[in-house]
Amino acid sequence: MGDKGKFYSWEIISDTVAIKNCDKSFFEHRGSGIPKEIRWFFNAENISNGEQIKFTLIYEGKEYEAHIEMETSKLSRTRIFWRTDLKKEFDEILIKYRGQSEKNCEYPSIQFIKISENVYKVEFIDLDLLNDYEINPLETIETEHGVEGKKVRIYTTKYERDPVNRKEAIKIHGTRCMVCDFDFEEVYGELGKDFIEVHHTKPLFSLEHEVEVNPEEDLVCLCSNCHRMIHRRRDKIMSVEELKELIEEQSVFA
């Protein structure tokens, strides 16, 4: 497998997940450049000049033809292209995105999920999968530059959450953190009364379709710190049991 991390406008999250920060050419030319460092992700490590590698992109449940090719020029650039039918779908996303944006020079990001050797699921998301106002109204955005205060527009997939399930989960599990036993009311008094965050044990963004949620089995109540730590790694969301074990291990060596 190849290296993980950021490579120009791409970020490799895991062996099966990559994120592309889109730009103008992505939408206008129905394609994107592929840095040589991430060719492995598209099974194109050994691609040669003029060669094409065909594969399938799945977008919103539909399959679309795409391919990777290496230019025959001296630059030997590797590029990914899709057909006009998928470009039309992507253009609709851009129109909706710009309708919400203050400036029309901003673009969303897209995630590639490797399903099999030549099949990838794609969806427009934000780089931080935790960006959901109900769970995290005070989102922190990390940058590589020492400049703060720059206005950033985030585009993310919004997954519906049933408030009835949330209330039922709190009724069943209570408002004390199920990992560390923290209670907001004990610490913050009236301000913290009845406050707790509800976590889906099966992340909504990982589901292929709508499912019925069982508040007792599928939802857990967590304090903000434990909820953050469970989601700390984007390539592996921890379970309540795993985080409990981690805390116990740390207390042993404290």
Protein backbone atom coordinates (compact mmCIF):
# COMPACT_ATOMS: atom_id res chain seq x y z
CA MET A 1 0.00 0.00 0.00
CA GLY A 2 1.08 3.61 -0.51
CA ASP A 3 1.73 6.55 1.75
CA LYS A 4 -1.01 8.41 3.61
CA GLY A 5 -1.24 12.19 3.93
CA LYS A 6 -1.64 15.26 1.73
CA PHE A 7 -0.36 15.35 -1.85
CA TYR A 8 -1.17 18.66 -3.53
CA SER A 9 -4.99 18.87 -3.70
CA TRP A 10 -5.46 15.25 -2.59
CA GLU A 11 -5.48 13.70 0.86
CA ILE A 12 -5.13 9.95 1.37
CA ILE A 13 -7.03 9.05 4.54
CA SER A 14 -6.61 5.26 4.39
CA ASP A 15 -6.05 2.43 1.92
CA THR A 16 -9.68 2.79 0.82
CA VAL A 17 -10.48 6.49 1.28
CA ALA A 18 -9.11 9.54 -0.58
CA ILE A 19 -10.35 13.15 -0.65
CA LYS A 20 -9.90 15.65 -3.45
CA ASN A 21 -10.15 19.42 -2.89
CA CYS A 22 -11.95 20.44 -6.04
CA ASP A 23 -11.08 23.44 -8.19
CA LYS A 24 -12.36 25.10 -11.36
CA SER A 25 -10.77 22.59 -13.74
CA PHE A 26 -12.33 19.66 -11.85
CA PHE A 27 -15.78 20.80 -12.97
CA GLU A 28 -14.93 22.37 -16.32
CA HIS A 29 -12.76 19.54 -17.68
CA ARG A 30 -14.58 16.62 -15.98
CA GLY A 31 -11.38 15.36 -14.47
CA SER A 32 -8.40 15.87 -12.21
CA GLY A 33 -4.67 15.35 -12.14
CA ILE A 34 -3.38 12.38 -10.15
CA PRO A 35 -0.06 12.94 -8.33
CA LYS A 36 2.36 10.08 -8.89
CA GLU A 37 2.46 9.53 -5.12
CA ILE A 38 -1.18 8.37 -5.11
CA ARG A 39 -1.34 6.37 -8.34
CA TRP A 40 -1.42 3.25 -6.18
CA PHE A 41 -4.82 4.25 -4.82
CA PHE A 42 -6.26 3.89 -8.33
CA ASN A 43 -4.21 0.76 -9.12
CA ALA A 44 -2.17 2.73 -11.65
CA GLU A 45 1.36 2.45 -10.27
CA ASN A 46 2.65 0.89 -13.48
CA ILE A 47 0.65 2.89 -16.02
CA SER A 48 2.64 3.77 -19.14
CA ASN A 49 2.50 6.65 -21.64
CA GLY A 50 -0.74 6.65 -23.63
CA GLU A 51 -2.27 3.86 -21.56
CA GLN A 52 -5.82 4.00 -20.16
CA ILE A 53 -7.16 2.16 -17.13
CA LYS A 54 -10.95 1.91 -17.00
CA PHE A 55 -12.99 1.76 -13.80
CA THR A 56 -16.43 2.56 -12.41
CA LEU A 57 -17.56 5.48 -10.24
CA ILE A 58 -20.72 5.09 -8.16
CA TYR A 59 -22.48 8.37 -7.42
CA GLU A 60 -25.81 8.48 -5.58
CA GLY A 61 -26.43 4.83 -6.35
CA LYS A 62 -25.74 5.04 -10.11
CA GLU A 63 -22.72 3.71 -12.00
CA TYR A 64 -20.65 5.89 -14.34
CA GLU A 65 -17.74 5.03 -16.60
CA ALA A 66 -14.37 6.66 -15.93
CA HIS A 67 -10.72 6.09 -16.72
CA ILE A 68 -7.19 7.08 -15.79
CA GLU A 69 -4.70 7.89 -18.51
CA MET A 70 -1.10 8.99 -18.79
CA GLU A 71 -0.33 11.69 -21.32
CA THR A 72 2.09 10.91 -24.12
CA SER A 73 3.81 14.29 -23.70
CA LYS A 74 7.17 14.75 -21.96
CA LEU A 75 5.32 15.75 -18.80
CA SER A 76 3.74 12.27 -18.56
CA ARG A 77 1.00 13.57 -16.34
CA THR A 78 -1.57 11.11 -15.02
CA ARG A 79 -5.19 12.24 -15.08
CA ILE A 80 -8.58 10.84 -14.15
CA PHE A 81 -11.58 11.55 -16.40
CA TRP A 82 -15.29 10.78 -16.32
CA ARG A 83 -17.98 11.11 -18.94
CA THR A 84 -20.39 13.97 -19.61
CA ASP A 85 -23.28 12.25 -17.82
CA LEU A 86 -21.44 12.39 -14.49
CA LYS A 87 -20.18 15.90 -15.20
CA LYS A 88 -23.79 17.08 -15.37
CA GLU A 89 -24.44 15.61 -11.92
CA PHE A 90 -21.33 17.29 -10.50
CA ASP A 91 -22.29 20.61 -12.10
CA GLU A 92 -25.60 20.53 -10.23
CA ILE A 93 -23.72 20.17 -6.96
CA LEU A 94 -21.55 23.17 -7.86
CA ILE A 95 -24.62 25.29 -8.61
CA LYS A 96 -26.18 24.39 -5.26
CA TYR A 97 -22.90 24.98 -3.45
CA ARG A 98 -22.37 28.40 -4.97
CA GLY A 99 -25.94 29.32 -4.17
CA GLN A 100 -24.97 28.95 -0.50
CA SER A 101 -21.54 30.51 -0.84
CA GLU A 102 -20.69 34.18 -0.32
CA LYS A 103 -18.10 34.04 -3.10
CA ASN A 104 -18.31 32.05 -6.31
CA CYS A 105 -14.61 31.18 -6.22
CA GLU A 106 -14.99 28.44 -3.65
CA TYR A 107 -15.39 24.75 -4.39
CA PRO A 108 -16.49 21.70 -2.40
CA SER A 109 -14.44 18.56 -1.73
CA ILE A 110 -15.17 15.05 -2.96
CA GLN A 111 -14.42 11.70 -1.35
CA PHE A 112 -13.41 8.54 -3.22
CA ILE A 113 -14.13 5.26 -1.42
CA LYS A 114 -12.59 2.13 -2.90
CA ILE A 115 -15.25 -0.58 -3.07
CA SER A 116 -13.24 -3.07 -5.12
CA GLU A 117 -10.23 -3.04 -7.44
CA ASN A 118 -11.95 -1.05 -10.18
CA VAL A 119 -15.01 0.40 -8.41
CA TYR A 120 -15.10 3.62 -6.36
CA LYS A 121 -17.98 5.33 -4.61
CA VAL A 122 -17.81 9.14 -4.74
CA GLU A 123 -19.63 11.75 -2.65
CA PHE A 124 -19.21 15.45 -1.94
CA ILE A 125 -18.26 16.05 1.66
CA ASP A 126 -16.21 18.28 3.90
CA LEU A 127 -12.74 17.12 4.95
CA ASP A 128 -13.97 16.80 8.55
CA LEU A 129 -16.68 14.18 8.76
CA LEU A 130 -17.64 15.46 12.21
CA ASN A 131 -18.98 18.72 10.84
CA ASP A 132 -22.59 18.44 11.97
CA TYR A 133 -24.14 21.35 13.85
CA GLU A 134 -26.31 19.15 16.06
CA ILE A 135 -23.26 17.31 17.35
CA ASN A 136 -20.55 19.91 17.04
CA PRO A 137 -21.68 23.55 16.83
CA LEU A 138 -18.16 24.83 17.60
CA GLU A 139 -16.21 23.15 14.82
CA THR A 140 -12.43 23.61 14.86
CA ILE A 141 -10.69 23.77 11.50
CA GLU A 142 -6.98 22.94 11.47
CA THR A 143 -4.74 24.58 8.87
CA GLU A 144 -1.07 24.34 8.04
CA HIS A 145 -0.56 28.11 8.06
CA GLY A 146 -0.02 30.44 11.00
CA VAL A 147 -2.87 32.73 9.99
CA GLU A 148 -6.15 32.71 11.88
CA GLY A 149 -9.47 34.38 11.29
CA LYS A 150 -9.77 33.61 7.58
CA LYS A 151 -13.39 33.02 6.62
CA VAL A 152 -13.87 29.43 5.48
CA ARG A 153 -16.97 28.04 3.82
CA ILE A 154 -17.55 24.37 4.58
CA TYR A 155 -19.57 22.05 2.34
CA THR A 156 -20.65 18.83 3.95
CA THR A 157 -23.13 16.05 3.46
CA LYS A 158 -25.97 16.50 5.94
CA TYR A 159 -27.42 13.30 7.36
CA GLU A 160 -30.90 13.43 8.82
CA ARG A 161 -31.19 12.69 12.53
CA ASP A 162 -34.51 11.93 14.15
CA PRO A 163 -34.93 14.08 17.30
CA VAL A 164 -37.34 11.47 18.65
CA ASN A 165 -34.54 8.89 18.64
CA ARG A 166 -32.26 11.32 20.43
CA LYS A 167 -34.80 11.95 23.19
CA GLU A 168 -35.50 8.24 23.52
CA ALA A 169 -31.77 7.48 23.81
CA ILE A 170 -31.41 10.02 26.63
CA LYS A 171 -34.48 8.57 28.33
CA ILE A 172 -32.95 5.09 28.18
CA HIS A 173 -29.27 5.87 28.88
CA GLY A 174 -29.50 9.08 30.91
CA THR A 175 -27.33 12.19 30.74
CA ARG A 176 -24.18 10.73 32.29
CA CYS A 177 -21.36 9.88 29.87
CA MET A 178 -21.37 6.15 29.16
CA VAL A 179 -17.58 6.13 28.85
CA CYS A 180 -16.13 8.35 31.61
CA ASP A 181 -19.25 8.91 33.78
CA PHE A 182 -19.03 12.70 33.41
CA ASP A 183 -22.22 14.59 34.32
CA PHE A 184 -22.69 18.13 33.00
CA GLU A 185 -25.14 19.17 35.71
CA GLU A 186 -22.78 18.11 38.50
CA VAL A 187 -20.04 20.34 37.10
CA TYR A 188 -21.98 23.25 35.56
CA GLY A 189 -25.13 23.28 37.66
CA GLU A 190 -28.34 24.50 36.02
CA LEU A 191 -26.45 25.36 32.80
CA GLY A 192 -25.51 21.72 32.30
CA LYS A 193 -28.85 20.22 33.26
CA ASP A 194 -30.17 17.63 30.76
CA PHE A 195 -27.19 18.20 28.45
CA ILE A 196 -25.45 15.26 26.77
CA GLU A 197 -24.33 14.36 23.24
CA VAL A 198 -25.80 11.38 21.42
CA HIS A 199 -23.51 9.21 19.31
CA HIS A 200 -24.52 6.78 16.56
CA THR A 201 -22.59 3.53 16.99
CA LYS A 202 -23.01 3.04 13.23
CA PRO A 203 -21.93 6.37 11.64
CA LEU A 204 -24.62 7.69 9.32
CA PHE A 205 -22.11 8.59 6.60
CA SER A 206 -21.07 4.92 6.37
CA LEU A 207 -24.56 3.66 5.61
CA GLU A 208 -25.62 2.96 2.04
CA HIS A 209 -29.33 3.61 2.65
CA GLU A 210 -31.87 4.65 5.25
CA VAL A 211 -32.08 2.36 8.26
CA GLU A 212 -34.30 2.13 11.31
CA VAL A 213 -32.41 3.23 14.41
CA ASN A 214 -32.83 1.40 17.72
CA PRO A 215 -32.16 4.06 20.41
CA GLU A 216 -31.17 1.43 22.97
CA GLU A 217 -28.68 -0.46 20.82
CA ASP A 218 -27.60 2.03 18.13
CA LEU A 219 -27.27 5.23 20.20
CA VAL A 220 -25.08 6.03 23.20
CA CYS A 221 -24.81 9.14 25.39
CA LEU A 222 -21.36 10.74 25.63
CA CYS A 223 -19.72 13.85 27.03
CA SER A 224 -18.15 16.19 24.48
CA ASN A 225 -14.60 15.00 25.18
CA CYS A 226 -15.34 11.31 24.79
CA HIS A 227 -17.44 11.98 21.71
CA ARG A 228 -14.52 13.84 20.14
CA MET A 229 -12.04 11.09 20.99
CA ILE A 230 -14.28 8.39 19.52
CA HIS A 231 -14.24 10.33 16.23
CA ARG A 232 -10.57 11.38 16.55
CA ARG A 233 -9.38 9.15 13.70
CA ARG A 234 -11.27 9.61 10.48
CA ASP A 235 -10.24 6.18 9.18
CA LYS A 236 -11.41 4.33 12.31
CA ILE A 237 -14.19 5.41 14.65
CA MET A 238 -13.71 3.81 18.07
CA SER A 239 -16.37 1.92 19.97
CA VAL A 240 -17.45 2.83 23.50
CA GLU A 241 -15.71 -0.30 24.79
CA GLU A 242 -12.45 0.57 23.02
CA LEU A 243 -12.39 4.07 24.49
CA LYS A 244 -13.15 2.71 27.97
CA GLU A 245 -10.22 0.31 27.66
CA LEU A 246 -7.95 3.14 26.51
CA ILE A 247 -8.90 5.27 29.52
CA GLU A 248 -8.31 2.34 31.88
CA GLU A 249 -4.90 1.70 30.35
CA GLN A 250 -3.94 5.35 30.78
CA SER A 251 -5.05 5.35 34.43
CA VAL A 252 -2.87 2.31 35.14
CA PHE A 253 0.25 4.11 33.91
CA ALA A 254 -0.66 7.48 35.42
